[in-house]
C-alpha atoms as a PDB file:
ATOM      1  CA  UNK A   1      11.391   9.319 -31.821  1.00  0.00           C
ATOM      2  CA  UNK A   2      10.718  12.088 -29.379  1.00  0.00           C
ATOM      3  CA  UNK A   3       9.086  15.322 -30.507  1.00  0.00           C
ATOM      4  CA  UNK A   4       9.562  18.835 -29.233  1.00  0.00           C
ATOM      5  CA  UNK A   5       6.402  20.909 -29.445  1.00  0.00           C
ATOM      6  CA  UNK A   6       7.362  24.566 -29.861  1.00  0.00           C
ATOM      7  CA  UNK A   7       4.271  25.905 -28.106  1.00  0.00           C
ATOM      8  CA  UNK A   8       3.521  29.127 -29.967  1.00  0.00           C
ATOM      9  CA  UNK A   9       2.657  30.121 -33.502  1.00  0.00           C
ATOM     10  CA  UNK A  10       4.390  33.492 -33.134  1.00  0.00           C
ATOM     11  CA  UNK A  11       6.830  34.078 -36.025  1.00  0.00           C
ATOM     12  CA  UNK A  12      10.514  34.254 -35.064  1.00  0.00           C
ATOM     13  CA  UNK A  13       9.714  33.239 -31.481  1.00  0.00           C
ATOM     14  CA  UNK A  14      12.196  32.645 -28.688  1.00  0.00           C
ATOM     15  CA  UNK A  15      10.243  29.429 -28.053  1.00  0.00           C
ATOM     16  CA  UNK A  16      11.176  27.984 -31.439  1.00  0.00           C
ATOM     17  CA  UNK A  17      14.779  29.116 -31.054  1.00  0.00           C
ATOM     18  CA  UNK A  18      14.955  27.464 -27.633  1.00  0.00           C
ATOM     19  CA  UNK A  19      13.412  24.308 -29.175  1.00  0.00           C
ATOM     20  CA  UNK A  20      16.205  24.286 -31.763  1.00  0.00           C
ATOM     21  CA  UNK A  21      18.795  24.679 -28.998  1.00  0.00           C
ATOM     22  CA  UNK A  22      17.233  21.802 -27.021  1.00  0.00           C
ATOM     23  CA  UNK A  23      17.213  19.723 -30.212  1.00  0.00           C
ATOM     24  CA  UNK A  24      20.976  20.313 -30.523  1.00  0.00           C
ATOM     25  CA  UNK A  25      21.473  19.196 -26.903  1.00  0.00           C
ATOM     26  CA  UNK A  26      19.613  15.951 -27.621  1.00  0.00           C
ATOM     27  CA  UNK A  27      21.809  15.430 -30.671  1.00  0.00           C
ATOM     28  CA  UNK A  28      24.919  15.910 -28.511  1.00  0.00           C
ATOM     29  CA  UNK A  29      23.593  13.057 -26.348  1.00  0.00           C
ATOM     30  CA  UNK A  30      23.242  10.893 -29.467  1.00  0.00           C
ATOM     31  CA  UNK A  31      19.516  11.198 -30.067  1.00  0.00           C
ATOM     32  CA  UNK A  32      17.679  12.802 -32.957  1.00  0.00           C
ATOM     33  CA  UNK A  33      14.464  14.568 -31.978  1.00  0.00           C
ATOM     34  CA  UNK A  34      12.110  16.442 -34.260  1.00  0.00           C
ATOM     35  CA  UNK A  35      10.441  19.794 -33.691  1.00  0.00           C
ATOM     36  CA  UNK A  36       6.756  20.378 -34.296  1.00  0.00           C
ATOM     37  CA  UNK A  37       6.489  24.106 -34.903  1.00  0.00           C
ATOM     38  CA  UNK A  38       3.003  25.487 -34.244  1.00  0.00           C
ATOM     39  CA  UNK A  39       3.700  28.142 -36.852  1.00  0.00           C
ATOM     40  CA  UNK A  40       3.584  25.329 -39.442  1.00  0.00           C
ATOM     41  CA  UNK A  41       0.639  23.588 -37.764  1.00  0.00           C
ATOM     42  CA  UNK A  42      -1.369  26.828 -37.645  1.00  0.00           C
ATOM     43  CA  UNK A  43      -2.265  26.673 -41.354  1.00  0.00           C
ATOM     44  CA  UNK A  44      -4.240  23.494 -40.670  1.00  0.00           C
ATOM     45  CA  UNK A  45      -5.812  24.314 -37.302  1.00  0.00           C
ATOM     46  CA  UNK A  46      -8.747  26.309 -38.629  1.00  0.00           C
ATOM     47  CA  UNK A  47      -9.620  24.212 -41.651  1.00  0.00           C
ATOM     48  CA  UNK A  48     -11.547  20.984 -41.731  1.00  0.00           C
ATOM     49  CA  UNK A  49     -13.198  19.238 -38.785  1.00  0.00           C
ATOM     50  CA  UNK A  50     -12.407  20.267 -35.238  1.00  0.00           C
ATOM     51  CA  UNK A  51     -11.763  18.674 -31.864  1.00  0.00           C
ATOM     52  CA  UNK A  52     -10.385  15.188 -32.331  1.00  0.00           C
ATOM     53  CA  UNK A  53     -11.979  14.238 -35.635  1.00  0.00           C
ATOM     54  CA  UNK A  54      -9.962  13.006 -38.646  1.00  0.00           C
ATOM     55  CA  UNK A  55      -8.259  16.024 -40.152  1.00  0.00           C
ATOM     56  CA  UNK A  56      -6.150  15.599 -43.288  1.00  0.00           C
ATOM     57  CA  UNK A  57      -4.040  18.737 -42.827  1.00  0.00           C
ATOM     58  CA  UNK A  58      -3.219  18.014 -39.186  1.00  0.00           C
ATOM     59  CA  UNK A  59      -2.994  14.257 -39.553  1.00  0.00           C
ATOM     60  CA  UNK A  60       0.781  14.061 -40.188  1.00  0.00           C
ATOM     61  CA  UNK A  61       1.426  16.011 -36.968  1.00  0.00           C
ATOM     62  CA  UNK A  62      -1.116  14.032 -34.967  1.00  0.00           C
ATOM     63  CA  UNK A  63       0.297  10.723 -36.231  1.00  0.00           C
ATOM     64  CA  UNK A  64       3.768  11.740 -35.070  1.00  0.00           C
ATOM     65  CA  UNK A  65       2.457  12.432 -31.587  1.00  0.00           C
ATOM     66  CA  UNK A  66       0.654   9.080 -31.352  1.00  0.00           C
ATOM     67  CA  UNK A  67       3.838   7.250 -32.406  1.00  0.00           C
ATOM     68  CA  UNK A  68       6.227   9.312 -30.281  1.00  0.00           C
ATOM     69  CA  UNK A  69       8.434   7.849 -27.570  1.00  0.00           C
ATOM     70  CA  UNK A  70       7.964  11.037 -25.592  1.00  0.00           C
ATOM     71  CA  UNK A  71       7.026  14.692 -25.873  1.00  0.00           C
ATOM     72  CA  UNK A  72       9.006  17.738 -24.850  1.00  0.00           C
ATOM     73  CA  UNK A  73       6.669  20.727 -24.599  1.00  0.00           C
ATOM     74  CA  UNK A  74       8.294  24.158 -24.617  1.00  0.00           C
ATOM     75  CA  UNK A  75       5.727  26.757 -23.702  1.00  0.00           C
ATOM     76  CA  UNK A  76       5.842  30.515 -23.329  1.00  0.00           C
ATOM     77  CA  UNK A  77       3.501  32.339 -20.998  1.00  0.00           C
ATOM     78  CA  UNK A  78       0.792  34.403 -22.685  1.00  0.00           C
ATOM     79  CA  UNK A  79      -1.532  36.292 -20.347  1.00  0.00           C
ATOM     80  CA  UNK A  80      -1.043  33.889 -17.459  1.00  0.00           C
ATOM     81  CA  UNK A  81      -1.400  30.663 -19.432  1.00  0.00           C
ATOM     82  CA  UNK A  82      -0.367  28.865 -22.611  1.00  0.00           C
ATOM     83  CA  UNK A  83      -0.864  30.343 -26.081  1.00  0.00           C
ATOM     84  CA  UNK A  84      -4.318  29.627 -27.500  1.00  0.00           C
ATOM     85  CA  UNK A  85      -2.787  27.911 -30.542  1.00  0.00           C
ATOM     86  CA  UNK A  86      -1.170  25.304 -28.284  1.00  0.00           C
ATOM     87  CA  UNK A  87      -4.388  24.583 -26.399  1.00  0.00           C
ATOM     88  CA  UNK A  88      -6.326  24.300 -29.659  1.00  0.00           C
ATOM     89  CA  UNK A  89      -3.684  21.931 -31.055  1.00  0.00           C
ATOM     90  CA  UNK A  90      -3.965  19.814 -27.895  1.00  0.00           C
ATOM     91  CA  UNK A  91      -7.744  19.713 -28.363  1.00  0.00           C
ATOM     92  CA  UNK A  92      -7.211  18.084 -31.778  1.00  0.00           C
ATOM     93  CA  UNK A  93      -4.994  15.312 -30.381  1.00  0.00           C
ATOM     94  CA  UNK A  94      -6.404  11.823 -30.469  1.00  0.00           C
ATOM     95  CA  UNK A  95      -7.523  10.496 -27.106  1.00  0.00           C
ATOM     96  CA  UNK A  96      -6.486   8.232 -25.468  1.00  0.00           C
ATOM     97  CA  UNK A  97      -3.565   7.278 -27.750  1.00  0.00           C
ATOM     98  CA  UNK A  98      -1.734  10.614 -27.686  1.00  0.00           C
ATOM     99  CA  UNK A  99      -1.916  11.015 -23.932  1.00  0.00           C
ATOM    100  CA  UNK A 100      -2.275   7.830 -21.907  1.00  0.00           C
ATOM    101  CA  UNK A 101       1.087   6.619 -20.606  1.00  0.00           C
ATOM    102  CA  UNK A 102       2.931   8.991 -22.956  1.00  0.00           C
ATOM    103  CA  UNK A 103       6.082  10.360 -21.279  1.00  0.00           C
ATOM    104  CA  UNK A 104       6.127  14.150 -21.369  1.00  0.00           C
ATOM    105  CA  UNK A 105       8.358  16.880 -19.962  1.00  0.00           C
ATOM    106  CA  UNK A 106       7.969  20.632 -19.856  1.00  0.00           C
ATOM    107  CA  UNK A 107      10.054  23.763 -20.269  1.00  0.00           C
ATOM    108  CA  UNK A 108       8.439  27.118 -19.572  1.00  0.00           C
ATOM    109  CA  UNK A 109       9.681  30.518 -20.555  1.00  0.00           C
ATOM    110  CA  UNK A 110       8.462  33.962 -19.708  1.00  0.00           C
ATOM    111  CA  UNK A 111       9.275  37.042 -17.743  1.00  0.00           C
ATOM    112  CA  UNK A 112       9.045  37.067 -13.957  1.00  0.00           C
ATOM    113  CA  UNK A 113       7.677  33.539 -13.401  1.00  0.00           C
ATOM    114  CA  UNK A 114       9.427  31.765 -16.271  1.00  0.00           C
ATOM    115  CA  UNK A 115       6.325  30.131 -17.689  1.00  0.00           C
ATOM    116  CA  UNK A 116       5.329  28.514 -14.393  1.00  0.00           C
ATOM    117  CA  UNK A 117       1.590  29.076 -14.929  1.00  0.00           C
ATOM    118  CA  UNK A 118       1.295  27.603 -18.440  1.00  0.00           C
ATOM    119  CA  UNK A 119       3.440  24.614 -17.457  1.00  0.00           C
ATOM    120  CA  UNK A 120       1.183  23.958 -14.476  1.00  0.00           C
ATOM    121  CA  UNK A 121      -1.859  24.236 -16.751  1.00  0.00           C
ATOM    122  CA  UNK A 122      -0.249  21.790 -19.185  1.00  0.00           C
ATOM    123  CA  UNK A 123       0.523  19.391 -16.338  1.00  0.00           C
ATOM    124  CA  UNK A 124      -3.156  19.485 -15.385  1.00  0.00           C
ATOM    125  CA  UNK A 125      -4.216  18.658 -18.939  1.00  0.00           C
ATOM    126  CA  UNK A 126      -1.679  15.879 -19.531  1.00  0.00           C
ATOM    127  CA  UNK A 127      -2.138  14.522 -16.008  1.00  0.00           C
ATOM    128  CA  UNK A 128      -5.913  14.455 -16.447  1.00  0.00           C
ATOM    129  CA  UNK A 129      -5.346  12.399 -19.599  1.00  0.00           C
ATOM    130  CA  UNK A 130      -2.993   9.975 -17.771  1.00  0.00           C
ATOM    131  CA  UNK A 131       0.324  10.922 -19.351  1.00  0.00           C
ATOM    132  CA  UNK A 132       3.533  10.105 -17.475  1.00  0.00           C
ATOM    133  CA  UNK A 133       4.833  13.517 -16.448  1.00  0.00           C
ATOM    134  CA  UNK A 134       8.573  13.814 -15.890  1.00  0.00           C
ATOM    135  CA  UNK A 135       8.909  15.781 -12.640  1.00  0.00           C
ATOM    136  CA  UNK A 136      11.942  17.930 -13.492  1.00  0.00           C
ATOM    137  CA  UNK A 137      10.453  20.998 -15.117  1.00  0.00           C
ATOM    138  CA  UNK A 138      12.479  24.016 -16.187  1.00  0.00           C
ATOM    139  CA  UNK A 139      11.333  27.624 -15.907  1.00  0.00           C
ATOM    140  CA  UNK A 140      13.338  30.268 -17.740  1.00  0.00           C
ATOM    141  CA  UNK A 141      12.697  33.705 -16.279  1.00  0.00           C
ATOM    142  CA  UNK A 142      13.417  36.893 -18.218  1.00  0.00           C
ATOM    143  CA  UNK A 143      13.585  34.699 -21.326  1.00  0.00           C
ATOM    144  CA  UNK A 144      13.786  37.530 -23.883  1.00  0.00           C
ATOM    145  CA  UNK A 145      16.926  38.781 -22.126  1.00  0.00           C
ATOM    146  CA  UNK A 146      18.421  35.418 -21.106  1.00  0.00           C
ATOM    147  CA  UNK A 147      18.170  33.714 -24.513  1.00  0.00           C
ATOM    148  CA  UNK A 148      20.390  34.962 -27.317  1.00  0.00           C
ATOM    149  CA  UNK A 149      19.267  35.312 -30.944  1.00  0.00           C
ATOM    150  CA  UNK A 150      19.821  31.568 -31.522  1.00  0.00           C
ATOM    151  CA  UNK A 151      17.847  30.583 -28.412  1.00  0.00           C
ATOM    152  CA  UNK A 152      20.911  29.637 -26.398  1.00  0.00           C
ATOM    153  CA  UNK A 153      20.669  30.543 -22.721  1.00  0.00           C
ATOM    154  CA  UNK A 154      23.302  32.991 -21.540  1.00  0.00           C
ATOM    155  CA  UNK A 155      23.022  31.611 -18.016  1.00  0.00           C
ATOM    156  CA  UNK A 156      25.188  28.580 -17.214  1.00  0.00           C
ATOM    157  CA  UNK A 157      22.725  27.296 -14.605  1.00  0.00           C
ATOM    158  CA  UNK A 158      19.942  27.117 -17.212  1.00  0.00           C
ATOM    159  CA  UNK A 159      22.251  25.250 -19.592  1.00  0.00           C
ATOM    160  CA  UNK A 160      23.062  22.730 -16.842  1.00  0.00           C
ATOM    161  CA  UNK A 161      19.383  22.321 -15.971  1.00  0.00           C
ATOM    162  CA  UNK A 162      18.509  21.660 -19.621  1.00  0.00           C
ATOM    163  CA  UNK A 163      21.215  18.994 -19.945  1.00  0.00           C
ATOM    164  CA  UNK A 164      20.092  17.438 -16.641  1.00  0.00           C
ATOM    165  CA  UNK A 165      16.467  17.369 -17.801  1.00  0.00           C
ATOM    166  CA  UNK A 166      17.402  15.822 -21.143  1.00  0.00           C
ATOM    167  CA  UNK A 167      19.510  13.115 -19.490  1.00  0.00           C
ATOM    168  CA  UNK A 168      16.808  12.403 -16.934  1.00  0.00           C
ATOM    169  CA  UNK A 169      13.982  12.384 -19.459  1.00  0.00           C
ATOM    170  CA  UNK A 170      15.871  10.008 -21.741  1.00  0.00           C
ATOM    171  CA  UNK A 171      16.362   7.642 -18.784  1.00  0.00           C
ATOM    172  CA  UNK A 172      12.704   8.052 -17.745  1.00  0.00           C
ATOM    173  CA  UNK A 173      11.471   7.151 -21.234  1.00  0.00           C
ATOM    174  CA  UNK A 174      13.900   4.211 -21.482  1.00  0.00           C
ATOM    175  CA  UNK A 175      12.823   2.823 -18.107  1.00  0.00           C
ATOM    176  CA  UNK A 176       9.123   3.024 -18.974  1.00  0.00           C
ATOM    177  CA  UNK A 177       9.796   1.332 -22.300  1.00  0.00           C
ATOM    178  CA  UNK A 178      11.968  -1.411 -20.751  1.00  0.00           C
ATOM    179  CA  UNK A 179       9.079  -2.421 -18.512  1.00  0.00           C
ATOM    180  CA  UNK A 180       6.539  -1.943 -21.321  1.00  0.00           C
ATOM    181  CA  UNK A 181       4.695   0.738 -19.351  1.00  0.00           C
ATOM    182  CA  UNK A 182       4.906   3.410 -22.049  1.00  0.00           C
ATOM    183  CA  UNK A 183       2.107   4.363 -24.438  1.00  0.00           C
ATOM    184  CA  UNK A 184       3.588   2.648 -27.497  1.00  0.00           C
ATOM    185  CA  UNK A 185       4.004  -0.690 -25.673  1.00  0.00           C
ATOM    186  CA  UNK A 186       0.441  -0.511 -24.380  1.00  0.00           C
ATOM    187  CA  UNK A 187      -0.943   0.396 -27.815  1.00  0.00           C
ATOM    188  CA  UNK A 188       0.991  -2.508 -29.381  1.00  0.00           C
ATOM    189  CA  UNK A 189      -0.326  -4.957 -26.756  1.00  0.00           C
ATOM    190  CA  UNK A 190      -3.933  -4.066 -27.671  1.00  0.00           C
ATOM    191  CA  UNK A 191      -3.441  -4.955 -31.345  1.00  0.00           C
END
């Protein structure tokens, strides 16, 4: 299963609503994907051990990431980067299993630059940890005005780009898996 990480813990966020819209688009293509909402994760981030150690409250989320076929990270721009809650969640992820050879794609949202800066920061992090980064990123500018109350873009070009990314990412993940180059195949081969 693929997981969408809704990259903010802000209540009633456009990020989560966009994640739900993207989830519906995956379903229309015949694939169920699950959302990991940082609002739910937040309750466990500041309790227990920190930075990659076993953590009972976070463990169900972390286990999903390690077993995932691919990750879709939807990230808003906060002060020129990603929200702190997302970075702190990333810092809890198990290395190398969560990152190495894990297919990942990105959608940014913001005002003028559409989340370009946090997506580039995320690419640096995931690239540094040897994830397979899908090259077709999406940047949604003026997100609070472009997305309706259900997170659906009111711009046809954005809708087309999202469908194109989903189709491409599904093919990308399938191709990596077919040649056993994906994280799950490599983890299984080490057992």
